[in-house]
C-alpha cells in the first residue's frame, strides 16, 4: 500500500508540472504563464553589441505574435540560432512576458527550444 501511495504522489507531482500547450496567436492571452508553443520561425536577428538573439515566431517581423529571446549565456548552447532555425518548425517552452506590447519567451537553455523535424521552408503564415 505504501508503494502505491508513493507512485500516486509521484505521478500527481509530475502532472502538476506539465506545460499547457497553446497556439502562437494566443500568446498575448497567457502573459505570466509557463506554456509550450509549437510554431514556425520566420526569421531572426543577432544583435552583436548586446549579444542578444531574437527569433520571430509565427510570422515575419513586425507581425510576429511571439518573439523568442536568446541572451548571450544561452546562445553559447546554439550554433547561430537566427540562421539555423529560420524556416524551422519548433516548440518553445517558457514563461510568456510582454516587451513593448509583444509577447516573448526567453530561452535560457537549449532544452526549451526543440525543433520539429519538418522541412525548413519559408512559406507565408496561414
Protein backbone atom coordinates (compact mmCIF):
# COMPACT_ATOMS: atom_id res chain seq x y z
CA UNK A 1 0.00 0.00 0.00
CA UNK A 2 2.83 2.36 0.85
CA UNK A 3 4.38 1.83 -2.61
CA UNK A 4 1.09 2.64 -4.32
CA UNK A 5 0.81 5.91 -2.41
CA UNK A 6 4.36 6.84 -3.38
CA UNK A 7 3.63 6.12 -7.05
CA UNK A 8 0.38 8.12 -6.97
CA UNK A 9 2.18 11.04 -5.30
CA UNK A 10 4.98 11.00 -7.87
CA UNK A 11 2.56 10.87 -10.79
CA UNK A 12 0.45 13.72 -9.43
CA UNK A 13 3.55 15.84 -8.80
CA UNK A 14 4.73 15.21 -12.37
CA UNK A 15 1.33 16.12 -13.76
CA UNK A 16 1.30 19.46 -11.95
CA UNK A 17 4.47 20.48 -13.80
CA UNK A 18 3.12 19.54 -17.24
CA UNK A 19 3.10 22.53 -19.56
CA UNK A 20 -0.05 23.86 -21.16
CA UNK A 21 0.29 23.93 -24.96
CA UNK A 22 -1.22 26.95 -26.69
CA UNK A 23 -1.32 28.41 -30.20
CA UNK A 24 1.20 31.13 -31.01
CA UNK A 25 -1.66 33.55 -31.79
CA UNK A 26 -2.93 33.14 -28.22
CA UNK A 27 0.37 34.03 -26.53
CA UNK A 28 -0.86 37.54 -25.67
CA UNK A 29 -3.68 35.98 -23.61
CA UNK A 30 -1.31 33.93 -21.44
CA UNK A 31 1.16 36.51 -20.12
CA UNK A 32 2.75 35.33 -16.88
CA UNK A 33 2.04 31.68 -17.63
CA UNK A 34 4.57 28.98 -18.45
CA UNK A 35 3.44 27.33 -21.68
CA UNK A 36 4.57 25.32 -24.67
CA UNK A 37 4.07 26.81 -28.15
CA UNK A 38 4.74 24.94 -31.39
CA UNK A 39 5.15 27.22 -34.39
CA UNK A 40 7.35 28.18 -37.31
CA UNK A 41 10.33 30.53 -37.08
CA UNK A 42 10.10 33.11 -39.87
CA UNK A 43 13.33 34.94 -39.20
CA UNK A 44 15.69 36.19 -36.59
CA UNK A 45 18.42 38.63 -35.83
CA UNK A 46 21.59 38.56 -33.75
CA UNK A 47 22.50 41.87 -32.13
CA UNK A 48 26.24 41.56 -31.64
CA UNK A 49 26.58 44.64 -29.45
CA UNK A 50 24.02 43.30 -26.96
CA UNK A 51 24.83 39.63 -27.67
CA UNK A 52 21.09 39.17 -27.99
CA UNK A 53 19.25 36.92 -30.47
CA UNK A 54 15.60 37.46 -31.37
CA UNK A 55 13.60 34.85 -33.31
CA UNK A 56 10.30 35.80 -34.98
CA UNK A 57 7.78 33.07 -34.23
CA UNK A 58 4.52 32.64 -36.12
CA UNK A 59 5.05 35.37 -38.77
CA UNK A 60 7.64 37.72 -40.20
CA UNK A 61 8.73 40.79 -38.21
CA UNK A 62 6.99 43.11 -37.34
CA UNK A 63 3.84 40.94 -37.36
CA UNK A 64 5.24 38.03 -35.33
CA UNK A 65 2.84 37.16 -32.50
CA UNK A 66 5.76 35.92 -30.36
CA UNK A 67 9.44 36.72 -30.03
CA UNK A 68 11.86 34.11 -28.73
CA UNK A 69 14.73 35.77 -26.86
CA UNK A 70 18.14 34.12 -26.51
CA UNK A 71 20.71 36.04 -24.45
CA UNK A 72 24.50 35.57 -24.54
CA UNK A 73 24.75 32.86 -21.89
CA UNK A 74 22.14 30.62 -23.56
CA UNK A 75 23.38 31.46 -27.07
CA UNK A 76 26.58 29.53 -26.31
CA UNK A 77 24.47 26.34 -26.47
CA UNK A 78 23.32 27.11 -30.02
CA UNK A 79 25.00 27.43 -33.41
CA UNK A 80 23.78 30.72 -34.93
CA UNK A 81 20.11 30.21 -33.99
CA UNK A 82 18.98 33.16 -36.14
CA UNK A 83 20.18 31.19 -39.19
CA UNK A 84 19.67 27.60 -38.09
CA UNK A 85 16.02 27.92 -37.04
CA UNK A 86 14.87 30.13 -39.94
CA UNK A 87 12.02 28.25 -41.61
CA UNK A 88 12.01 25.54 -38.94
CA UNK A 89 9.03 24.25 -37.02
CA UNK A 90 9.87 24.41 -33.32
CA UNK A 91 8.32 24.00 -29.90
CA UNK A 92 9.37 26.51 -27.26
CA UNK A 93 8.60 26.19 -23.57
CA UNK A 94 8.81 29.05 -21.11
CA UNK A 95 7.11 31.89 -19.31
CA UNK A 96 5.41 34.48 -21.51
CA UNK A 97 6.34 38.07 -20.75
CA UNK A 98 5.49 41.29 -22.59
CA UNK A 99 8.06 43.64 -24.12
CA UNK A 100 6.78 46.70 -25.97
CA UNK A 101 3.34 45.05 -26.32
CA UNK A 102 4.82 41.91 -27.93
CA UNK A 103 4.71 38.56 -26.11
CA UNK A 104 8.11 36.95 -25.68
CA UNK A 105 9.65 33.83 -24.18
CA UNK A 106 13.24 33.97 -23.00
CA UNK A 107 15.15 30.76 -23.66
CA UNK A 108 17.81 30.14 -21.01
CA UNK A 109 18.60 26.57 -22.07
CA UNK A 110 18.64 24.72 -25.39
CA UNK A 111 16.17 22.22 -23.89
CA UNK A 112 13.46 24.91 -24.06
CA UNK A 113 13.66 25.16 -27.87
CA UNK A 114 13.09 21.88 -29.66
CA UNK A 115 12.95 21.54 -33.42
CA UNK A 116 10.10 19.61 -35.01
CA UNK A 117 11.64 17.55 -37.78
CA UNK A 118 9.84 19.11 -40.74
CA UNK A 119 11.22 20.81 -43.82
CA UNK A 120 12.85 24.23 -43.44
CA UNK A 121 10.68 26.31 -45.76
CA UNK A 122 9.85 29.98 -45.95
CA UNK A 123 6.11 29.79 -46.55
CA UNK A 124 3.87 32.68 -45.56
CA UNK A 125 1.83 32.13 -42.37
CA UNK A 126 -1.74 31.00 -42.91
